[in-house]
Every structure is written in structure tokens, then in C-alpha cells.
Amino acid sequence: MYSYDEPVYLISVVAKILSIHPQTLRQYEREGLVEPGRTDGKMRLYSQRDIDKIKTILRLTRDLGVNLAGVDIILRLKDKLDEQDKELEELRINLEKFKSNQSHKSVLKKESSYEVIIFQK
């Protein structure tokens, strides 16, 4: 079985899976929304992560009417929040280590700082 990030799907396969035209996938790549891997022969290969990201793009554009510039902003903000969540978790871990070294016992509870909810019609 392949890993979630391993590029294995050809553009024609992804287009068929998602019921979209391959040109749509090329457009998403030109806009910088998705970056498929490439073979030595320069053929595009998509991972399952890429497919899931494209599904999100399709939901935003089709169901919510967001244009591609808006999708780009949303995805960049989501990536930024993901980075900040990782950084916050590292700080929590370091604080717990510090407190345990100070012989104070306490538990910090991690809660997500955001949640993306996409409503379907």
C-alpha cells in the first residue's frame, strides 16, 4: 500500500475519480493550488493528499462559490494555522517538561484553534 503523500495517480486517473477535466487539474497547478509530483518523463503524479486537497478546492468553488483567488487565500490561511498549531503544541510540551522539572504537576489540554466546516447544499 502507498503512503498518503506518495504520488502515484496519473492526471487522467485523478480526473476520472473526481469527474473533472484534466485541464482543470492543470489550471489548479498553474494557480499554485496543487503541486503534483513528476516522473522523469515529466508526467504529473498525484498523491492521495493532493486528491483530498483538490476535493476541498472543488467544494469551495462549486458549493460555496469561492473563486480560485479566494481558494488560494483560504488554503494559505489553513496552512498557516496548521503551522501555528504545531508550534503551539511544541510550546505546550516544553512547558510541561519545564513544569515537571519544577516538581509541579499539571496537565495542559490541547484544543484545536480552528475547524474548517464546509456545508453542503
PDB file of N, CA and C in Angstrom:
ATOM      1  N   MET A   1       0.839  -1.184   0.000  1.00  0.00           N
ATOM      2  CA  MET A   1       0.000   0.000   0.000  1.00  0.00           C
ATOM      3  C   MET A   1       0.881   1.242   0.000  1.00  0.00           C
ATOM      4  N   TYR A   2       0.411   2.280  -0.637  1.00  0.00           N
ATOM      5  CA  TYR A   2       1.177   3.514  -0.749  1.00  0.00           C
ATOM      6  C   TYR A   2       0.872   4.448   0.413  1.00  0.00           C
ATOM      7  N   SER A   3       1.839   5.319   0.715  1.00  0.00           N
ATOM      8  CA  SER A   3       1.617   6.290   1.782  1.00  0.00           C
ATOM      9  C   SER A   3       0.716   7.417   1.276  1.00  0.00           C
ATOM     10  N   TYR A   4       0.184   8.171   2.203  1.00  0.00           N
ATOM     11  CA  TYR A   4      -0.746   9.257   1.913  1.00  0.00           C
ATOM     12  C   TYR A   4      -0.118  10.325   1.016  1.00  0.00           C
ATOM     13  N   ASP A   5       1.189  10.532   1.153  1.00  0.00           N
ATOM     14  CA  ASP A   5       1.883  11.579   0.408  1.00  0.00           C
ATOM     15  C   ASP A   5       2.618  11.085  -0.827  1.00  0.00           C
ATOM     16  N   GLU A   6       2.561   9.796  -1.100  1.00  0.00           N
ATOM     17  CA  GLU A   6       3.305   9.266  -2.239  1.00  0.00           C
ATOM     18  C   GLU A   6       2.550   9.508  -3.542  1.00  0.00           C
ATOM     19  N   PRO A   7       3.176  10.203  -4.507  1.00  0.00           N
ATOM     20  CA  PRO A   7       2.499  10.472  -5.775  1.00  0.00           C
ATOM     21  C   PRO A   7       2.446   9.225  -6.655  1.00  0.00           C
ATOM     22  N   VAL A   8       1.232   8.744  -6.913  1.00  0.00           N
ATOM     23  CA  VAL A   8       1.077   7.518  -7.687  1.00  0.00           C
ATOM     24  C   VAL A   8      -0.013   7.583  -8.761  1.00  0.00           C
ATOM     25  N   TYR A   9      -0.882   8.596  -8.717  1.00  0.00           N
ATOM     26  CA  TYR A   9      -2.019   8.659  -9.634  1.00  0.00           C
ATOM     27  C   TYR A   9      -1.733   9.586 -10.810  1.00  0.00           C
ATOM     28  N   LEU A  10      -1.941   9.077 -12.025  1.00  0.00           N
ATOM     29  CA  LEU A  10      -1.792   9.894 -13.225  1.00  0.00           C
ATOM     30  C   LEU A  10      -2.928  10.904 -13.316  1.00  0.00           C
ATOM     31  N   ILE A  11      -2.704  11.967 -14.065  1.00  0.00           N
ATOM     32  CA  ILE A  11      -3.687  13.029 -14.191  1.00  0.00           C
ATOM     33  C   ILE A  11      -5.017  12.507 -14.738  1.00  0.00           C
ATOM     34  N   SER A  12      -4.960  11.563 -15.676  1.00  0.00           N
ATOM     35  CA  SER A  12      -6.200  11.013 -16.252  1.00  0.00           C
ATOM     36  C   SER A  12      -6.997  10.236 -15.212  1.00  0.00           C
ATOM     37  N   VAL A  13      -6.312   9.550 -14.329  1.00  0.00           N
ATOM     38  CA  VAL A  13      -6.970   8.780 -13.275  1.00  0.00           C
ATOM     39  C   VAL A  13      -7.635   9.722 -12.276  1.00  0.00           C
ATOM     40  N   VAL A  14      -6.914  10.757 -11.864  1.00  0.00           N
ATOM     41  CA  VAL A  14      -7.452  11.728 -10.908  1.00  0.00           C
ATOM     42  C   VAL A  14      -8.665  12.441 -11.515  1.00  0.00           C
ATOM     43  N   ALA A  15      -8.551  12.825 -12.775  1.00  0.00           N
ATOM     44  CA  ALA A  15      -9.668  13.500 -13.446  1.00  0.00           C
ATOM     45  C   ALA A  15     -10.893  12.599 -13.470  1.00  0.00           C
ATOM     46  N   LYS A  16     -10.688  11.332 -13.723  1.00  0.00           N
ATOM     47  CA  LYS A  16     -11.807  10.387 -13.767  1.00  0.00           C
ATOM     48  C   LYS A  16     -12.400  10.181 -12.377  1.00  0.00           C
ATOM     49  N   ILE A  17     -11.555  10.023 -11.374  1.00  0.00           N
ATOM     50  CA  ILE A  17     -12.011   9.824  -9.990  1.00  0.00           C
ATOM     51  C   ILE A  17     -12.875  10.996  -9.542  1.00  0.00           C
ATOM     52  N   LEU A  18     -12.441  12.211  -9.873  1.00  0.00           N
ATOM     53  CA  LEU A  18     -13.125  13.418  -9.401  1.00  0.00           C
ATOM     54  C   LEU A  18     -14.156  13.960 -10.386  1.00  0.00           C
ATOM     55  N   SER A  19     -14.304  13.296 -11.516  1.00  0.00           N
ATOM     56  CA  SER A  19     -15.252  13.712 -12.560  1.00  0.00           C
ATOM     57  C   SER A  19     -15.002  15.155 -13.012  1.00  0.00           C
ATOM     58  N   ILE A  20     -13.742  15.442 -13.287  1.00  0.00           N
ATOM     59  CA  ILE A  20     -13.378  16.764 -13.808  1.00  0.00           C
ATOM     60  C   ILE A  20     -12.483  16.575 -15.023  1.00  0.00           C
ATOM     61  N   HIS A  21     -12.292  17.635 -15.769  1.00  0.00           N
ATOM     62  CA  HIS A  21     -11.439  17.594 -16.953  1.00  0.00           C
ATOM     63  C   HIS A  21      -9.978  17.735 -16.525  1.00  0.00           C
ATOM     64  N   PRO A  22      -9.070  17.044 -17.190  1.00  0.00           N
ATOM     65  CA  PRO A  22      -7.647  17.187 -16.854  1.00  0.00           C
ATOM     66  C   PRO A  22      -7.162  18.642 -16.917  1.00  0.00           C
ATOM     67  N   GLN A  23      -7.784  19.455 -17.801  1.00  0.00           N
ATOM     68  CA  GLN A  23      -7.394  20.871 -17.878  1.00  0.00           C
ATOM     69  C   GLN A  23      -7.667  21.592 -16.561  1.00  0.00           C
ATOM     70  N   THR A  24      -8.695  21.169 -15.847  1.00  0.00           N
ATOM     71  CA  THR A  24      -8.994  21.760 -14.540  1.00  0.00           C
ATOM     72  C   THR A  24      -7.827  21.523 -13.590  1.00  0.00           C
ATOM     73  N   LEU A  25      -7.289  20.315 -13.618  1.00  0.00           N
ATOM     74  CA  LEU A  25      -6.136  19.996 -12.764  1.00  0.00           C
ATOM     75  C   LEU A  25      -4.908  20.800 -13.179  1.00  0.00           C
ATOM     76  N   ARG A  26      -4.727  20.971 -14.476  1.00  0.00           N
ATOM     77  CA  ARG A  26      -3.600  21.784 -14.952  1.00  0.00           C
ATOM     78  C   ARG A  26      -3.765  23.242 -14.509  1.00  0.00           C
ATOM     79  N   GLN A  27      -5.005  23.730 -14.551  1.00  0.00           N
ATOM     80  CA  GLN A  27      -5.275  25.105 -14.110  1.00  0.00           C
ATOM     81  C   GLN A  27      -4.956  25.264 -12.627  1.00  0.00           C
ATOM     82  N   TYR A  28      -5.371  24.290 -11.808  1.00  0.00           N
ATOM     83  CA  TYR A  28      -5.087  24.345 -10.376  1.00  0.00           C
ATOM     84  C   TYR A  28      -3.585  24.371 -10.131  1.00  0.00           C
ATOM     85  N   GLU A  29      -2.839  23.633 -10.957  1.00  0.00           N
ATOM     86  CA  GLU A  29      -1.382  23.636 -10.819  1.00  0.00           C
ATOM     87  C   GLU A  29      -0.815  25.000 -11.229  1.00  0.00           C
ATOM     88  N   ARG A  30      -1.300  25.569 -12.333  1.00  0.00           N
ATOM     89  CA  ARG A  30      -0.834  26.888 -12.769  1.00  0.00           C
ATOM     90  C   ARG A  30      -1.102  27.958 -11.708  1.00  0.00           C
ATOM     91  N   GLU A  31      -2.237  27.821 -11.032  1.00  0.00           N
ATOM     92  CA  GLU A  31      -2.609  28.789  -9.987  1.00  0.00           C
ATOM     93  C   GLU A  31      -1.834  28.556  -8.691  1.00  0.00           C
ATOM     94  N   GLY A  32      -1.079  27.454  -8.620  1.00  0.00           N
ATOM     95  CA  GLY A  32      -0.294  27.148  -7.427  1.00  0.00           C
ATOM     96  C   GLY A  32      -1.101  26.521  -6.302  1.00  0.00           C
ATOM     97  N   LEU A  33      -2.297  26.022  -6.621  1.00  0.00           N
ATOM     98  CA  LEU A  33      -3.157  25.428  -5.596  1.00  0.00           C
ATOM     99  C   LEU A  33      -2.750  23.998  -5.261  1.00  0.00           C
ATOM    100  N   VAL A  34      -2.161  23.311  -6.218  1.00  0.00           N
ATOM    101  CA  VAL A  34      -1.719  21.934  -6.004  1.00  0.00           C
ATOM    102  C   VAL A  34      -0.399  21.748  -6.757  1.00  0.00           C
ATOM    103  N   GLU A  35       0.481  20.949  -6.187  1.00  0.00           N
ATOM    104  CA  GLU A  35       1.788  20.704  -6.795  1.00  0.00           C
ATOM    105  C   GLU A  35       2.021  19.204  -6.925  1.00  0.00           C
ATOM    106  N   PRO A  36       1.568  18.616  -8.027  1.00  0.00           N
ATOM    107  CA  PRO A  36       1.767  17.177  -8.187  1.00  0.00           C
ATOM    108  C   PRO A  36       3.243  16.844  -8.393  1.00  0.00           C
ATOM    109  N   GLY A  37       3.577  15.611  -8.063  1.00  0.00           N
ATOM    110  CA  GLY A  37       4.933  15.154  -8.329  1.00  0.00           C
ATOM    111  C   GLY A  37       5.110  14.952  -9.823  1.00  0.00           C
ATOM    112  N   ARG A  38       6.329  14.683 -10.230  1.00  0.00           N
ATOM    113  CA  ARG A  38       6.624  14.460 -11.649  1.00  0.00           C
ATOM    114  C   ARG A  38       7.505  13.221 -11.794  1.00  0.00           C
ATOM    115  N   THR A  39       7.261  12.492 -12.877  1.00  0.00           N
ATOM    116  CA  THR A  39       8.143  11.381 -13.209  1.00  0.00           C
ATOM    117  C   THR A  39       9.354  11.947 -13.929  1.00  0.00           C
ATOM    118  N   ASP A  40      10.314  11.093 -14.242  1.00  0.00           N
ATOM    119  CA  ASP A  40      11.475  11.541 -15.012  1.00  0.00           C
ATOM    120  C   ASP A  40      11.049  12.053 -16.386  1.00  0.00           C
ATOM    121  N   GLY A  41       9.956  11.502 -16.901  1.00  0.00           N
ATOM    122  CA  GLY A  41       9.427  11.934 -18.190  1.00  0.00           C
ATOM    123  C   GLY A  41       8.487  13.119 -18.077  1.00  0.00           C
ATOM    124  N   LYS A  42       8.437  13.757 -16.898  1.00  0.00           N
ATOM    125  CA  LYS A  42       7.644  14.963 -16.623  1.00  0.00           C
ATOM    126  C   LYS A  42       6.134  14.716 -16.570  1.00  0.00           C
ATOM    127  N   MET A  43       5.716  13.467 -16.405  1.00  0.00           N
ATOM    128  CA  MET A  43       4.290  13.182 -16.242  1.00  0.00           C
ATOM    129  C   MET A  43       3.871  13.531 -14.819  1.00  0.00           C
ATOM    130  N   ARG A  44       2.686  14.128 -14.679  1.00  0.00           N
ATOM    131  CA  ARG A  44       2.183  14.503 -13.361  1.00  0.00           C
ATOM    132  C   ARG A  44       1.726  13.263 -12.607  1.00  0.00           C
ATOM    133  N   LEU A  45       2.092  13.200 -11.329  1.00  0.00           N
ATOM    134  CA  LEU A  45       1.623  12.138 -10.450  1.00  0.00           C
ATOM    135  C   LEU A  45       1.059  12.779  -9.184  1.00  0.00           C
ATOM    136  N   TYR A  46      -0.147  12.373  -8.812  1.00  0.00           N
ATOM    137  CA  TYR A  46      -0.842  12.944  -7.663  1.00  0.00           C
ATOM    138  C   TYR A  46      -0.879  11.943  -6.512  1.00  0.00           C
ATOM    139  N   SER A  47      -0.743  12.455  -5.303  1.00  0.00           N
ATOM    140  CA  SER A  47      -0.852  11.626  -4.102  1.00  0.00           C
ATOM    141  C   SER A  47      -2.289  11.673  -3.596  1.00  0.00           C
ATOM    142  N   GLN A  48      -2.593  10.854  -2.616  1.00  0.00           N
ATOM    143  CA  GLN A  48      -3.920  10.899  -2.003  1.00  0.00           C
ATOM    144  C   GLN A  48      -4.135  12.242  -1.315  1.00  0.00           C
ATOM    145  N   ARG A  49      -3.071  12.815  -0.756  1.00  0.00           N
ATOM    146  CA  ARG A  49      -3.168  14.157  -0.141  1.00  0.00           C
ATOM    147  C   ARG A  49      -3.571  15.189  -1.197  1.00  0.00           C
ATOM    148  N   ASP A  50      -2.956  15.092  -2.392  1.00  0.00           N
ATOM    149  CA  ASP A  50      -3.317  16.002  -3.488  1.00  0.00           C
ATOM    150  C   ASP A  50      -4.791  15.848  -3.859  1.00  0.00           C
ATOM    151  N   ILE A  51      -5.257  14.620  -3.950  1.00  0.00           N
ATOM    152  CA  ILE A  51      -6.650  14.358  -4.302  1.00  0.00           C
ATOM    153  C   ILE A  51      -7.581  14.951  -3.258  1.00  0.00           C
ATOM    154  N   ASP A  52      -7.267  14.775  -1.994  1.00  0.00           N
ATOM    155  CA  ASP A  52      -8.098  15.346  -0.927  1.00  0.00           C
ATOM    156  C   ASP A  52      -8.104  16.873  -0.985  1.00  0.00           C
ATOM    157  N   LYS A  53      -6.958  17.456  -1.304  1.00  0.00           N
ATOM    158  CA  LYS A  53      -6.876  18.912  -1.428  1.00  0.00           C
ATOM    159  C   LYS A  53      -7.733  19.389  -2.604  1.00  0.00           C
ATOM    160  N   ILE A  54      -7.681  18.660  -3.707  1.00  0.00           N
ATOM    161  CA  ILE A  54      -8.491  19.012  -4.877  1.00  0.00           C
ATOM    162  C   ILE A  54      -9.975  18.894  -4.545  1.00  0.00           C
ATOM    163  N   LYS A  55     -10.345  17.888  -3.771  1.00  0.00           N
ATOM    164  CA  LYS A  55     -11.744  17.758  -3.342  1.00  0.00           C
ATOM    165  C   LYS A  55     -12.167  18.996  -2.544  1.00  0.00           C
ATOM    166  N   THR A  56     -11.290  19.487  -1.686  1.00  0.00           N
ATOM    167  CA  THR A  56     -11.580  20.704  -0.919  1.00  0.00           C
ATOM    168  C   THR A  56     -11.741  21.899  -1.855  1.00  0.00           C
ATOM    169  N   ILE A  57     -10.854  22.009  -2.830  1.00  0.00           N
ATOM    170  CA  ILE A  57     -10.940  23.095  -3.804  1.00  0.00           C
ATOM    171  C   ILE A  57     -12.273  23.030  -4.550  1.00  0.00           C
ATOM    172  N   LEU A  58     -12.656  21.837  -4.955  1.00  0.00           N
ATOM    173  CA  LEU A  58     -13.918  21.676  -5.683  1.00  0.00           C
ATOM    174  C   LEU A  58     -15.115  22.048  -4.811  1.00  0.00           C
ATOM    175  N   ARG A  59     -15.087  21.678  -3.541  1.00  0.00           N
ATOM    176  CA  ARG A  59     -16.183  22.045  -2.640  1.00  0.00           C
ATOM    177  C   ARG A  59     -16.269  23.554  -2.467  1.00  0.00           C
ATOM    178  N   LEU A  60     -15.118  24.192  -2.317  1.00  0.00           N
ATOM    179  CA  LEU A  60     -15.106  25.643  -2.145  1.00  0.00           C
ATOM    180  C   LEU A  60     -15.616  26.358  -3.395  1.00  0.00           C
ATOM    181  N   THR A  61     -15.176  25.890  -4.564  1.00  0.00           N
ATOM    182  CA  THR A  61     -15.569  26.576  -5.797  1.00  0.00           C
ATOM    183  C   THR A  61     -16.994  26.238  -6.219  1.00  0.00           C
ATOM    184  N   ARG A  62     -17.348  24.975  -6.192  1.00  0.00           N
ATOM    185  CA  ARG A  62     -18.666  24.551  -6.675  1.00  0.00           C
ATOM    186  C   ARG A  62     -19.776  24.834  -5.672  1.00  0.00           C
ATOM    187  N   ASP A  63     -19.567  24.440  -4.445  1.00  0.00           N
ATOM    188  CA  ASP A  63     -20.638  24.517  -3.446  1.00  0.00           C
ATOM    189  C   ASP A  63     -20.738  25.880  -2.780  1.00  0.00           C
ATOM    190  N   LEU A  64     -19.594  26.540  -2.604  1.00  0.00           N
ATOM    191  CA  LEU A  64     -19.606  27.805  -1.880  1.00  0.00           C
ATOM    192  C   LEU A  64     -19.367  29.018  -2.775  1.00  0.00           C
ATOM    193  N   GLY A  65     -19.069  28.784  -4.043  1.00  0.00           N
ATOM    194  CA  GLY A  65     -18.914  29.892  -4.978  1.00  0.00           C
ATOM    195  C   GLY A  65     -17.653  30.715  -4.805  1.00  0.00           C
ATOM    196  N   VAL A  66     -16.637  30.144  -4.186  1.00  0.00           N
ATOM    197  CA  VAL A  66     -15.374  30.856  -3.976  1.00  0.00           C
ATOM    198  C   VAL A  66     -14.564  30.787  -5.274  1.00  0.00           C
ATOM    199  N   ASN A  67     -13.995  31.926  -5.688  1.00  0.00           N
ATOM    200  CA  ASN A  67     -13.153  31.891  -6.891  1.00  0.00           C
ATOM    201  C   ASN A  67     -11.761  31.361  -6.523  1.00  0.00           C
ATOM    202  N   LEU A  68     -10.928  31.103  -7.536  1.00  0.00           N
ATOM    203  CA  LEU A  68      -9.627  30.475  -7.282  1.00  0.00           C
ATOM    204  C   LEU A  68      -8.701  31.354  -6.450  1.00  0.00           C
ATOM    205  N   ALA A  69      -8.814  32.672  -6.602  1.00  0.00           N
ATOM    206  CA  ALA A  69      -8.005  33.564  -5.760  1.00  0.00           C
ATOM    207  C   ALA A  69      -8.423  33.420  -4.295  1.00  0.00           C
ATOM    208  N   GLY A  70      -9.711  33.308  -4.053  1.00  0.00           N
ATOM    209  CA  GLY A  70     -10.211  33.107  -2.692  1.00  0.00           C
ATOM    210  C   GLY A  70      -9.794  31.766  -2.131  1.00  0.00           C
ATOM    211  N   VAL A  71      -9.826  30.739  -2.979  1.00  0.00           N
ATOM    212  CA  VAL A  71      -9.390  29.404  -2.558  1.00  0.00           C
ATOM    213  C   VAL A  71      -7.932  29.450  -2.141  1.00  0.00           C
ATOM    214  N   ASP A  72      -7.113  30.153  -2.926  1.00  0.00           N
ATOM    215  CA  ASP A  72      -5.692  30.278  -2.606  1.00  0.00           C
ATOM    216  C   ASP A  72      -5.504  30.904  -1.230  1.00  0.00           C
ATOM    217  N   ILE A  73      -6.243  31.967  -0.956  1.00  0.00           N
ATOM    218  CA  ILE A  73      -6.148  32.644   0.346  1.00  0.00           C
ATOM    219  C   ILE A  73      -6.579  31.703   1.468  1.00  0.00           C
ATOM    220  N   ILE A  74      -7.686  31.004   1.278  1.00  0.00           N
ATOM    221  CA  ILE A  74      -8.199  30.076   2.293  1.00  0.00           C
ATOM    222  C   ILE A  74      -7.183  28.979   2.587  1.00  0.00           C
ATOM    223  N   LEU A  75      -6.611  28.395   1.533  1.00  0.00           N
ATOM    224  CA  LEU A  75      -5.643  27.311   1.726  1.00  0.00           C
ATOM    225  C   LEU A  75      -4.368  27.810   2.407  1.00  0.00           C
ATOM    226  N   ARG A  76      -3.927  29.012   2.051  1.00  0.00           N
ATOM    227  CA  ARG A  76      -2.731  29.571   2.696  1.00  0.00           C
ATOM    228  C   ARG A  76      -2.992  29.851   4.180  1.00  0.00           C
ATOM    229  N   LEU A  77      -4.168  30.378   4.482  1.00  0.00           N
ATOM    230  CA  LEU A  77      -4.513  30.622   5.888  1.00  0.00           C
ATOM    231  C   LEU A  77      -4.599  29.314   6.667  1.00  0.00           C
ATOM    232  N   LYS A  78      -5.165  28.296   6.045  1.00  0.00           N
ATOM    233  CA  LYS A  78      -5.262  26.992   6.697  1.00  0.00           C
ATOM    234  C   LYS A  78      -3.862  26.431   6.978  1.00  0.00           C
ATOM    235  N   ASP A  79      -2.961  26.541   6.003  1.00  0.00           N
ATOM    236  CA  ASP A  79      -1.586  26.077   6.198  1.00  0.00           C
ATOM    237  C   ASP A  79      -0.909  26.838   7.333  1.00  0.00           C
ATOM    238  N   LYS A  80      -1.131  28.144   7.370  1.00  0.00           N
ATOM    239  CA  LYS A  80      -0.552  28.975   8.438  1.00  0.00           C
ATOM    240  C   LYS A  80      -1.080  28.546   9.805  1.00  0.00           C
ATOM    241  N   LEU A  81      -2.385  28.290   9.883  1.00  0.00           N
ATOM    242  CA  LEU A  81      -2.968  27.834  11.146  1.00  0.00           C
ATOM    243  C   LEU A  81      -2.414  26.469  11.553  1.00  0.00           C
ATOM    244  N   ASP A  82      -2.228  25.582  10.577  1.00  0.00           N
ATOM    245  CA  ASP A  82      -1.637  24.273  10.871  1.00  0.00           C
ATOM    246  C   ASP A  82      -0.235  24.435  11.463  1.00  0.00           C
ATOM    247  N   GLU A  83       0.566  25.327  10.863  1.00  0.00           N
ATOM    248  CA  GLU A  83       1.913  25.583  11.376  1.00  0.00           C
ATOM    249  C   GLU A  83       1.870  26.124  12.802  1.00  0.00           C
ATOM    250  N   GLN A  84       0.964  27.054  13.039  1.00  0.00           N
ATOM    251  CA  GLN A  84       0.858  27.645  14.367  1.00  0.00           C
ATOM    252  C   GLN A  84       0.360  26.627  15.390  1.00  0.00           C
ATOM    253  N   ASP A  85      -0.529  25.722  14.981  1.00  0.00           N
ATOM    254  CA  ASP A  85      -0.969  24.661  15.888  1.00  0.00           C
ATOM    255  C   ASP A  85       0.193  23.751  16.281  1.00  0.00           C
ATOM    256  N   LYS A  86       1.050  23.414  15.312  1.00  0.00           N
ATOM    257  CA  LYS A  86       2.224  22.587  15.611  1.00  0.00           C
ATOM    258  C   LYS A  86       3.164  23.309  16.576  1.00  0.00           C
ATOM    259  N   GLU A  87       3.384  24.592  16.305  1.00  0.00           N
ATOM    260  CA  GLU A  87       4.256  25.385  17.172  1.00  0.00           C
ATOM    261  C   GLU A  87       3.678  25.489  18.582  1.00  0.00           C
ATOM    262  N   LEU A  88       2.383  25.701  18.674  1.00  0.00           N
ATOM    263  CA  LEU A  88       1.719  25.788  19.972  1.00  0.00           C
ATOM    264  C   LEU A  88       1.839  24.464  20.729  1.00  0.00           C
ATOM    265  N   GLU A  89       1.679  23.359  20.035  1.00  0.00           N
ATOM    266  CA  GLU A  89       1.805  22.051  20.683  1.00  0.00           C
ATOM    267  C   GLU A  89       3.222  21.840  21.209  1.00  0.00           C
ATOM    268  N   GLU A  90       4.227  22.252  20.427  1.00  0.00           N
ATOM    269  CA  GLU A  90       5.618  22.152  20.890  1.00  0.00           C
ATOM    270  C   GLU A  90       5.834  23.000  22.142  1.00  0.00           C
ATOM    271  N   LEU A  91       5.254  24.188  22.163  1.00  0.00           N
ATOM    272  CA  LEU A  91       5.381  25.046  23.345  1.00  0.00           C
ATOM    273  C   LEU A  91       4.696  24.415  24.555  1.00  0.00           C
ATOM    274  N   ARG A  92       3.552  23.783  24.345  1.00  0.00           N
ATOM    275  CA  ARG A  92       2.865  23.094  25.446  1.00  0.00           C
ATOM    276  C   ARG A  92       3.721  21.965  26.006  1.00  0.00           C
ATOM    277  N   ILE A  93       4.329  21.205  25.120  1.00  0.00           N
ATOM    278  CA  ILE A  93       5.182  20.098  25.547  1.00  0.00           C
ATOM    279  C   ILE A  93       6.372  20.625  26.343  1.00  0.00           C
ATOM    280  N   ASN A  94       7.000  21.687  25.830  1.00  0.00           N
ATOM    281  CA  ASN A  94       8.137  22.283  26.542  1.00  0.00           C
ATOM    282  C   ASN A  94       7.719  22.838  27.896  1.00  0.00           C
ATOM    283  N   LEU A  95       6.548  23.430  27.967  1.00  0.00           N
ATOM    284  CA  LEU A  95       6.048  23.957  29.234  1.00  0.00           C
ATOM    285  C   LEU A  95       5.792  22.821  30.224  1.00  0.00           C
ATOM    286  N   GLU A  96       5.230  21.723  29.743  1.00  0.00           N
ATOM    287  CA  GLU A  96       5.004  20.554  30.604  1.00  0.00           C
ATOM    288  C   GLU A  96       6.328  20.008  31.133  1.00  0.00           C
ATOM    289  N   LYS A  97       7.323  19.937  30.268  1.00  0.00           N
ATOM    290  CA  LYS A  97       8.649  19.467  30.698  1.00  0.00           C
ATOM    291  C   LYS A  97       9.224  20.409  31.757  1.00  0.00           C
ATOM    292  N   PHE A  98       9.097  21.693  31.507  1.00  0.00           N
ATOM    293  CA  PHE A  98       9.599  22.680  32.450  1.00  0.00           C
ATOM    294  C   PHE A  98       8.891  22.542  33.794  1.00  0.00           C
ATOM    295  N   LYS A  99       7.566  22.412  33.749  1.00  0.00           N
ATOM    296  CA  LYS A  99       6.804  22.292  34.993  1.00  0.00           C
ATOM    297  C   LYS A  99       7.133  21.004  35.729  1.00  0.00           C
ATOM    298  N   SER A 100       7.345  19.918  34.986  1.00  0.00           N
ATOM    299  CA  SER A 100       7.671  18.658  35.656  1.00  0.00           C
ATOM    300  C   SER A 100       9.054  18.741  36.299  1.00  0.00           C
ATOM    301  N   ASN A 101       9.950  19.503  35.692  1.00  0.00           N
ATOM    302  CA  ASN A 101      11.268  19.715  36.296  1.00  0.00           C
ATOM    303  C   ASN A 101      11.181  20.590  37.539  1.00  0.00           C
ATOM    304  N   GLN A 102      10.144  21.393  37.615  1.00  0.00           N
ATOM    305  CA  GLN A 102       9.929  22.260  38.781  1.00  0.00           C
ATOM    306  C   GLN A 102       9.117  21.553  39.861  1.00  0.00           C
ATOM    307  N   SER A 103       8.859  20.276  39.641  1.00  0.00           N
ATOM    308  CA  SER A 103       8.089  19.423  40.555  1.00  0.00           C
ATOM    309  C   SER A 103       6.650  19.905  40.756  1.00  0.00           C
ATOM    310  N   HIS A 104       6.114  20.573  39.768  1.00  0.00           N
ATOM    311  CA  HIS A 104       4.699  20.917  39.756  1.00  0.00           C
ATOM    312  C   HIS A 104       4.029  20.037  38.708  1.00  0.00           C
ATOM    313  N   LYS A 105       2.940  19.450  39.093  1.00  0.00           N
ATOM    314  CA  LYS A 105       2.233  18.580  38.158  1.00  0.00           C
ATOM    315  C   LYS A 105       0.965  19.279  37.678  1.00  0.00           C
ATOM    316  N   SER A 106       0.865  19.405  36.377  1.00  0.00           N
ATOM    317  CA  SER A 106      -0.362  19.919  35.777  1.00  0.00           C
ATOM    318  C   SER A 106      -0.469  19.359  34.367  1.00  0.00           C
ATOM    319  N   VAL A 107      -1.650  19.327  33.869  1.00  0.00           N
ATOM    320  CA  VAL A 107      -1.883  18.789  32.536  1.00  0.00           C
ATOM    321  C   VAL A 107      -2.504  19.877  31.682  1.00  0.00           C
ATOM    322  N   LEU A 108      -1.906  20.091  30.519  1.00  0.00           N
ATOM    323  CA  LEU A 108      -2.481  21.042  29.572  1.00  0.00           C
ATOM    324  C   LEU A 108      -3.304  20.271  28.559  1.00  0.00           C
ATOM    325  N   LYS A 109      -4.469  20.780  28.258  1.00  0.00           N
ATOM    326  CA  LYS A 109      -5.346  20.125  27.309  1.00  0.00           C
ATOM    327  C   LYS A 109      -5.243  20.847  25.971  1.00  0.00           C
ATOM    328  N   LYS A 110      -4.947  20.103  24.904  1.00  0.00           N
ATOM    329  CA  LYS A 110      -4.854  20.691  23.582  1.00  0.00           C
ATOM    330  C   LYS A 110      -6.230  20.725  22.948  1.00  0.00           C
ATOM    331  N   GLU A 111      -6.588  21.891  22.465  1.00  0.00           N
ATOM    332  CA  GLU A 111      -7.817  22.039  21.712  1.00  0.00           C
ATOM    333  C   GLU A 111      -7.477  22.695  20.395  1.00  0.00           C
ATOM    334  N   SER A 112      -8.124  22.283  19.350  1.00  0.00           N
ATOM    335  CA  SER A 112      -7.867  22.845  18.033  1.00  0.00           C
ATOM    336  C   SER A 112      -8.218  24.323  18.027  1.00  0.00           C
ATOM    337  N   SER A 113      -7.368  25.119  17.393  1.00  0.00           N
ATOM    338  CA  SER A 113      -7.607  26.551  17.340  1.00  0.00           C
ATOM    339  C   SER A 113      -8.592  26.920  16.237  1.00  0.00           C
ATOM    340  N   TYR A 114      -8.908  25.982  15.400  1.00  0.00           N
ATOM    341  CA  TYR A 114      -9.848  26.242  14.327  1.00  0.00           C
ATOM    342  C   TYR A 114     -10.422  24.926  13.831  1.00  0.00           C
ATOM    343  N   GLU A 115     -11.446  25.035  13.058  1.00  0.00           N
ATOM    344  CA  GLU A 115     -12.013  23.861  12.402  1.00  0.00           C
ATOM    345  C   GLU A 115     -12.655  24.338  11.110  1.00  0.00           C
ATOM    346  N   VAL A 116     -12.291  23.709  10.018  1.00  0.00           N
ATOM    347  CA  VAL A 116     -12.881  24.085   8.738  1.00  0.00           C
ATOM    348  C   VAL A 116     -14.137  23.256   8.545  1.00  0.00           C
ATOM    349  N   ILE A 117     -15.245  23.952   8.376  1.00  0.00           N
ATOM    350  CA  ILE A 117     -16.516  23.285   8.146  1.00  0.00           C
ATOM    351  C   ILE A 117     -17.036  23.720   6.792  1.00  0.00           C
ATOM    352  N   ILE A 118     -17.299  22.767   5.942  1.00  0.00           N
ATOM    353  CA  ILE A 118     -17.847  23.073   4.633  1.00  0.00           C
ATOM    354  C   ILE A 118     -19.242  22.491   4.566  1.00  0.00           C
ATOM    355  N   PHE A 119     -20.205  23.359   4.416  1.00  0.00           N
ATOM    356  CA  PHE A 119     -21.594  22.941   4.371  1.00  0.00           C
ATOM    357  C   PHE A 119     -21.945  22.534   2.950  1.00  0.00           C
ATOM    358  N   GLN A 120     -22.685  21.462   2.824  1.00  0.00           N
ATOM    359  CA  GLN A 120     -23.149  21.029   1.513  1.00  0.00           C
ATOM    360  C   GLN A 120     -24.615  21.403   1.362  1.00  0.00           C
ATOM    361  N   LYS A 121     -24.992  21.692   0.134  1.00  0.00           N
ATOM    362  CA  LYS A 121     -26.377  22.061  -0.155  1.00  0.00           C
ATOM    363  C   LYS A 121     -27.247  20.843  -0.196  1.00  0.00           C
TER     364      LYS A 121
END
